[in-house]
Each structure stands twice: as structure tokens, then as C-alpha cells.
Amino acid sequence: MKRILLVEDEILISLNSSMLLEDEGFAVDVAFNGEQGLDLALARSPDLIVTDYMMPRMDGLTFIMEARARGVTVPILLTTSMPEKGLSETYRGGHDAYLAKPYNAEQLLALVRRLLG
């Protein structure tokens, strides 16, 4: 069973997305900010990470850079309502795919399946 780490501070999105992914047969770990996400990414070795951008404590871009710096090599899907070209200029990349919010179940599942091969 593939394990997905979902890093999302909005409770409804977190609940809906985690239930959707679990219904599709994935094991899902949920973190509500980037700090928790980094701890879980290092401890649980997910097969895929889905992370929001705007979160408390550590935003998604910092989370991605920290995870990559610490050797996390799994695919990362970045979700945000901000256009991808509007991401911070100090961000050097690191995500493998981008999904604009609001997104629907089919969009999320299609990207998850593509990233997991």
C-alpha cells in the first residue's frame, strides 16, 4: 500500500482529501503545518507528499526546501490558490507537480496516480 503525506492546514480540505485518498486505497498521514509535515516526512518515509503552500509555522515552500535538503526524494505535489509563477523568487523549486486550488477529486487523483507511476 502506498503511503501519502498530506500537509494541509485547512481542516475541511485535509479531511476531504485524506478520506478521498484512503477510499482509493492509500495510507494517509496528515500534518497541519510544515513543521509537523517535515517530522512526518522524515519518520514515515511516504511514497508521495501533497503539501499546501500557505500554512502556519512553516510554509509549503520552506517545507519542500527543508525536506529536499534532508534527503527526501519522493515526488511532491504543491497545492495553492497562488499561481505557480507567483511563488517566491527565492524558492528554487523542488516540487514535481502543481495543483491550483480549488481543485476537484478527479484532478487530485489523476496527479497522485501520475506521480506514483
N, C-alpha and C. Protein backbone atom coordinates (compact mmCIF):
# COMPACT_ATOMS: atom_id res chain seq x y z
N MET A 1 0.85 -1.18 0.00
CA MET A 1 0.00 0.00 0.00
C MET A 1 0.90 1.24 0.00
N LYS A 2 0.63 2.15 -0.91
CA LYS A 2 1.39 3.39 -1.00
C LYS A 2 0.97 4.34 0.12
N ARG A 3 1.97 5.03 0.69
CA ARG A 3 1.73 5.98 1.78
C ARG A 3 1.88 7.40 1.26
N ILE A 4 0.88 8.23 1.56
CA ILE A 4 0.88 9.63 1.16
C ILE A 4 0.89 10.50 2.41
N LEU A 5 1.75 11.49 2.40
CA LEU A 5 1.76 12.50 3.45
C LEU A 5 1.02 13.72 2.93
N LEU A 6 -0.04 14.11 3.61
CA LEU A 6 -0.83 15.28 3.26
C LEU A 6 -0.53 16.38 4.28
N VAL A 7 0.02 17.49 3.81
CA VAL A 7 0.36 18.61 4.68
C VAL A 7 -0.57 19.75 4.31
N GLU A 8 -1.58 19.99 5.15
CA GLU A 8 -2.65 20.93 4.83
C GLU A 8 -3.24 21.49 6.12
N ASP A 9 -3.25 22.81 6.26
CA ASP A 9 -3.75 23.42 7.50
C ASP A 9 -5.25 23.66 7.50
N GLU A 10 -5.90 23.63 6.36
CA GLU A 10 -7.35 23.83 6.32
C GLU A 10 -8.05 22.50 6.61
N ILE A 11 -8.77 22.47 7.72
CA ILE A 11 -9.34 21.23 8.23
C ILE A 11 -10.25 20.54 7.21
N LEU A 12 -11.16 21.30 6.58
CA LEU A 12 -12.09 20.66 5.62
C LEU A 12 -11.36 20.07 4.42
N ILE A 13 -10.39 20.80 3.91
CA ILE A 13 -9.62 20.27 2.77
C ILE A 13 -8.84 19.03 3.21
N SER A 14 -8.25 19.11 4.39
CA SER A 14 -7.49 17.99 4.92
C SER A 14 -8.37 16.75 5.08
N LEU A 15 -9.53 16.92 5.68
CA LEU A 15 -10.45 15.79 5.87
C LEU A 15 -10.94 15.22 4.55
N ASN A 16 -11.38 16.09 3.67
CA ASN A 16 -11.90 15.63 2.37
C ASN A 16 -10.82 14.91 1.56
N SER A 17 -9.65 15.51 1.49
CA SER A 17 -8.58 14.92 0.69
C SER A 17 -8.09 13.61 1.29
N SER A 18 -7.93 13.56 2.60
CA SER A 18 -7.45 12.33 3.21
C SER A 18 -8.48 11.21 3.05
N MET A 19 -9.76 11.51 3.21
CA MET A 19 -10.79 10.48 3.02
C MET A 19 -10.82 10.00 1.57
N LEU A 20 -10.71 10.91 0.63
CA LEU A 20 -10.68 10.56 -0.78
C LEU A 20 -9.52 9.62 -1.08
N LEU A 21 -8.34 9.98 -0.60
CA LEU A 21 -7.16 9.16 -0.85
C LEU A 21 -7.25 7.80 -0.16
N GLU A 22 -7.77 7.78 1.06
CA GLU A 22 -7.95 6.50 1.76
C GLU A 22 -8.96 5.62 1.03
N ASP A 23 -10.03 6.22 0.52
CA ASP A 23 -11.03 5.46 -0.24
C ASP A 23 -10.43 4.84 -1.50
N GLU A 24 -9.36 5.45 -2.01
CA GLU A 24 -8.68 4.93 -3.20
C GLU A 24 -7.62 3.91 -2.85
N GLY A 25 -7.48 3.60 -1.55
CA GLY A 25 -6.56 2.55 -1.14
C GLY A 25 -5.20 3.00 -0.65
N PHE A 26 -5.01 4.29 -0.46
CA PHE A 26 -3.74 4.80 0.03
C PHE A 26 -3.75 4.91 1.55
N ALA A 27 -2.60 4.71 2.17
CA ALA A 27 -2.43 5.04 3.59
C ALA A 27 -2.08 6.52 3.64
N VAL A 28 -2.73 7.28 4.51
CA VAL A 28 -2.54 8.73 4.53
C VAL A 28 -2.15 9.19 5.93
N ASP A 29 -1.05 9.92 6.00
CA ASP A 29 -0.66 10.62 7.21
C ASP A 29 -0.96 12.09 6.98
N VAL A 30 -1.46 12.78 8.01
CA VAL A 30 -1.85 14.18 7.87
C VAL A 30 -1.05 15.03 8.84
N ALA A 31 -0.53 16.15 8.33
CA ALA A 31 0.13 17.17 9.15
C ALA A 31 -0.58 18.49 8.87
N PHE A 32 -0.66 19.34 9.89
CA PHE A 32 -1.40 20.59 9.75
C PHE A 32 -0.51 21.82 9.60
N ASN A 33 0.80 21.62 9.52
CA ASN A 33 1.72 22.70 9.21
C ASN A 33 3.03 22.09 8.71
N GLY A 34 3.90 22.93 8.21
CA GLY A 34 5.14 22.44 7.62
C GLY A 34 6.08 21.76 8.61
N GLU A 35 6.09 22.24 9.85
CA GLU A 35 6.96 21.61 10.85
C GLU A 35 6.52 20.17 11.12
N GLN A 36 5.22 19.97 11.33
CA GLN A 36 4.70 18.62 11.52
C GLN A 36 4.96 17.77 10.28
N GLY A 37 4.77 18.38 9.12
CA GLY A 37 5.00 17.68 7.86
C GLY A 37 6.42 17.19 7.72
N LEU A 38 7.37 18.04 8.07
CA LEU A 38 8.78 17.65 7.98
C LEU A 38 9.08 16.50 8.92
N ASP A 39 8.57 16.57 10.14
CA ASP A 39 8.77 15.47 11.09
C ASP A 39 8.21 14.17 10.55
N LEU A 40 6.99 14.22 10.01
CA LEU A 40 6.36 13.00 9.46
C LEU A 40 7.08 12.50 8.20
N ALA A 41 7.52 13.42 7.36
CA ALA A 41 8.23 13.01 6.14
C ALA A 41 9.50 12.24 6.48
N LEU A 42 10.19 12.68 7.52
CA LEU A 42 11.43 12.02 7.92
C LEU A 42 11.16 10.72 8.68
N ALA A 43 10.08 10.67 9.44
CA ALA A 43 9.79 9.49 10.27
C ALA A 43 9.05 8.39 9.53
N ARG A 44 8.17 8.74 8.59
CA ARG A 44 7.26 7.76 7.99
C ARG A 44 7.63 7.33 6.57
N SER A 45 8.58 7.99 5.94
CA SER A 45 9.02 7.64 4.59
C SER A 45 7.85 7.46 3.62
N PRO A 46 7.10 8.53 3.35
CA PRO A 46 5.96 8.41 2.42
C PRO A 46 6.45 8.17 0.99
N ASP A 47 5.53 7.68 0.16
CA ASP A 47 5.82 7.49 -1.26
C ASP A 47 5.53 8.75 -2.06
N LEU A 48 4.74 9.64 -1.48
CA LEU A 48 4.34 10.90 -2.12
C LEU A 48 3.96 11.90 -1.04
N ILE A 49 4.26 13.16 -1.30
CA ILE A 49 3.86 14.23 -0.39
C ILE A 49 2.96 15.20 -1.16
N VAL A 50 1.83 15.55 -0.56
CA VAL A 50 0.94 16.58 -1.08
C VAL A 50 0.95 17.70 -0.05
N THR A 51 1.40 18.88 -0.44
CA THR A 51 1.51 19.97 0.52
C THR A 51 0.89 21.25 0.02
N ASP A 52 0.27 21.95 0.95
CA ASP A 52 -0.25 23.29 0.70
C ASP A 52 0.93 24.26 0.73
N TYR A 53 0.72 25.45 0.24
CA TYR A 53 1.75 26.49 0.28
C TYR A 53 1.60 27.34 1.54
N MET A 54 0.47 27.99 1.71
CA MET A 54 0.29 28.92 2.82
C MET A 54 -0.18 28.17 4.06
N MET A 55 0.74 28.06 5.04
CA MET A 55 0.45 27.36 6.29
C MET A 55 1.17 28.08 7.42
N PRO A 56 0.71 27.87 8.66
CA PRO A 56 1.40 28.44 9.80
C PRO A 56 2.70 27.68 10.12
N ARG A 57 3.54 28.28 10.89
CA ARG A 57 4.80 27.72 11.41
C ARG A 57 5.87 27.53 10.36
N MET A 58 5.55 26.87 9.27
CA MET A 58 6.48 26.70 8.16
C MET A 58 5.65 26.57 6.90
N ASP A 59 5.85 27.49 5.96
CA ASP A 59 5.04 27.42 4.74
C ASP A 59 5.50 26.25 3.86
N GLY A 60 4.70 25.98 2.84
CA GLY A 60 4.96 24.84 1.98
C GLY A 60 6.27 24.92 1.21
N LEU A 61 6.67 26.11 0.80
CA LEU A 61 7.92 26.24 0.05
C LEU A 61 9.11 25.94 0.95
N THR A 62 9.08 26.48 2.17
CA THR A 62 10.15 26.20 3.12
C THR A 62 10.16 24.72 3.48
N PHE A 63 8.97 24.16 3.66
CA PHE A 63 8.86 22.72 3.94
C PHE A 63 9.52 21.90 2.83
N ILE A 64 9.22 22.23 1.59
CA ILE A 64 9.80 21.49 0.46
C ILE A 64 11.31 21.63 0.45
N MET A 65 11.82 22.85 0.63
CA MET A 65 13.27 23.05 0.61
C MET A 65 13.95 22.30 1.75
N GLU A 66 13.34 22.33 2.94
CA GLU A 66 13.90 21.61 4.09
C GLU A 66 13.87 20.10 3.87
N ALA A 67 12.76 19.60 3.34
CA ALA A 67 12.64 18.17 3.08
C ALA A 67 13.70 17.72 2.07
N ARG A 68 13.85 18.46 1.00
CA ARG A 68 14.84 18.11 -0.02
C ARG A 68 16.26 18.18 0.56
N ALA A 69 16.52 19.20 1.37
CA ALA A 69 17.85 19.35 1.98
C ALA A 69 18.17 18.19 2.92
N ARG A 70 17.14 17.58 3.47
CA ARG A 70 17.34 16.45 4.40
C ARG A 70 17.21 15.09 3.72
N GLY A 71 17.22 15.10 2.40
CA GLY A 71 17.29 13.85 1.66
C GLY A 71 15.96 13.24 1.23
N VAL A 72 14.87 13.96 1.38
CA VAL A 72 13.57 13.45 0.92
C VAL A 72 13.53 13.57 -0.60
N THR A 73 13.40 12.44 -1.27
CA THR A 73 13.46 12.43 -2.74
C THR A 73 12.15 12.05 -3.40
N VAL A 74 11.12 11.74 -2.61
CA VAL A 74 9.84 11.30 -3.18
C VAL A 74 9.17 12.46 -3.92
N PRO A 75 8.26 12.16 -4.83
CA PRO A 75 7.55 13.24 -5.53
C PRO A 75 6.76 14.11 -4.55
N ILE A 76 6.73 15.40 -4.86
CA ILE A 76 5.98 16.36 -4.05
C ILE A 76 5.01 17.12 -4.95
N LEU A 77 3.74 17.12 -4.54
CA LEU A 77 2.69 17.86 -5.23
C LEU A 77 2.37 19.10 -4.40
N LEU A 78 2.56 20.27 -4.97
CA LEU A 78 2.28 21.53 -4.30
C LEU A 78 0.90 22.01 -4.69
N THR A 79 0.06 22.30 -3.68
CA THR A 79 -1.28 22.83 -3.93
C THR A 79 -1.37 24.24 -3.36
N THR A 80 -1.97 25.15 -4.11
CA THR A 80 -2.12 26.52 -3.64
C THR A 80 -3.08 27.29 -4.53
N SER A 81 -3.66 28.32 -3.97
CA SER A 81 -4.51 29.20 -4.77
C SER A 81 -3.67 30.26 -5.48
N MET A 82 -2.39 30.34 -5.15
CA MET A 82 -1.49 31.29 -5.80
C MET A 82 -1.00 30.70 -7.13
N PRO A 83 -1.00 31.50 -8.18
CA PRO A 83 -0.48 31.00 -9.46
C PRO A 83 0.98 30.55 -9.30
N GLU A 84 1.34 29.48 -9.96
CA GLU A 84 2.70 28.94 -9.82
C GLU A 84 3.76 29.98 -10.14
N LYS A 85 3.52 30.82 -11.12
CA LYS A 85 4.51 31.84 -11.47
C LYS A 85 4.62 32.92 -10.39
N GLY A 86 3.68 32.96 -9.46
CA GLY A 86 3.71 33.95 -8.39
C GLY A 86 4.43 33.47 -7.13
N LEU A 87 5.01 32.27 -7.17
CA LEU A 87 5.72 31.77 -6.00
C LEU A 87 6.95 32.63 -5.73
N SER A 88 7.38 32.64 -4.52
CA SER A 88 8.52 33.46 -4.10
C SER A 88 9.71 33.28 -5.03
N GLU A 89 10.35 34.37 -5.36
CA GLU A 89 11.51 34.31 -6.24
C GLU A 89 12.70 33.65 -5.56
N THR A 90 12.69 33.56 -4.23
CA THR A 90 13.78 32.90 -3.53
C THR A 90 13.61 31.38 -3.52
N TYR A 91 12.45 30.91 -3.92
CA TYR A 91 12.18 29.48 -3.97
C TYR A 91 12.86 28.88 -5.19
N ARG A 92 13.64 27.85 -4.97
CA ARG A 92 14.42 27.24 -6.05
C ARG A 92 13.74 26.03 -6.69
N GLY A 93 12.48 25.86 -6.43
CA GLY A 93 11.79 24.69 -6.97
C GLY A 93 11.90 23.53 -6.00
N GLY A 94 11.58 22.38 -6.46
CA GLY A 94 11.65 21.20 -5.60
C GLY A 94 10.38 20.39 -5.64
N HIS A 95 9.29 21.00 -6.10
CA HIS A 95 8.06 20.22 -6.24
C HIS A 95 8.02 19.60 -7.64
N ASP A 96 7.32 18.50 -7.75
CA ASP A 96 7.25 17.77 -9.01
C ASP A 96 6.00 18.08 -9.82
N ALA A 97 4.99 18.59 -9.14
CA ALA A 97 3.75 18.96 -9.81
C ALA A 97 3.07 20.05 -9.00
N TYR A 98 2.17 20.76 -9.66
CA TYR A 98 1.44 21.88 -9.07
C TYR A 98 -0.04 21.67 -9.34
N LEU A 99 -0.85 21.94 -8.31
CA LEU A 99 -2.30 21.83 -8.45
C LEU A 99 -2.93 23.07 -7.87
N ALA A 100 -3.66 23.81 -8.71
CA ALA A 100 -4.29 25.05 -8.27
C ALA A 100 -5.54 24.76 -7.44
N LYS A 101 -5.68 25.50 -6.35
CA LYS A 101 -6.90 25.44 -5.53
C LYS A 101 -7.89 26.45 -6.07
N PRO A 102 -9.16 26.18 -6.02
CA PRO A 102 -9.75 24.93 -5.57
C PRO A 102 -9.61 23.86 -6.65
N TYR A 103 -9.40 22.64 -6.21
CA TYR A 103 -9.30 21.52 -7.13
C TYR A 103 -10.40 20.52 -6.82
N ASN A 104 -10.66 19.64 -7.79
CA ASN A 104 -11.69 18.62 -7.55
C ASN A 104 -11.02 17.26 -7.35
N ALA A 105 -11.81 16.29 -6.96
CA ALA A 105 -11.29 14.97 -6.64
C ALA A 105 -10.57 14.33 -7.83
N GLU A 106 -11.13 14.47 -9.01
CA GLU A 106 -10.52 13.85 -10.19
C GLU A 106 -9.15 14.45 -10.48
N GLN A 107 -9.01 15.77 -10.32
CA GLN A 107 -7.72 16.40 -10.57
C GLN A 107 -6.66 15.89 -9.59
N LEU A 108 -7.03 15.83 -8.31
CA LEU A 108 -6.09 15.36 -7.29
C LEU A 108 -5.69 13.91 -7.57
N LEU A 109 -6.66 13.05 -7.79
CA LEU A 109 -6.37 11.64 -8.02
C LEU A 109 -5.53 11.41 -9.27
N ALA A 110 -5.80 12.17 -10.32
CA ALA A 110 -5.03 12.00 -11.55
C ALA A 110 -3.57 12.35 -11.32
N LEU A 111 -3.31 13.43 -10.61
CA LEU A 111 -1.92 13.81 -10.33
C LEU A 111 -1.25 12.83 -9.39
N VAL A 112 -1.95 12.38 -8.37
CA VAL A 112 -1.38 11.40 -7.44
C VAL A 112 -1.00 10.14 -8.18
N ARG A 113 -1.88 9.64 -9.01
CA ARG A 113 -1.58 8.41 -9.78
C ARG A 113 -0.40 8.62 -10.72
N ARG A 114 -0.36 9.78 -11.37
CA ARG A 114 0.77 10.05 -12.29
C ARG A 114 2.09 10.10 -11.54
N LEU A 115 2.10 10.78 -10.41
CA LEU A 115 3.34 10.92 -9.64
C LEU A 115 3.80 9.61 -9.02
N LEU A 116 2.86 8.74 -8.70
CA LEU A 116 3.23 7.44 -8.13
C LEU A 116 3.57 6.41 -9.19
N GLY A 117 3.36 6.79 -10.46
CA GLY A 117 3.73 5.89 -11.56
C GLY A 117 2.74 4.79 -11.74
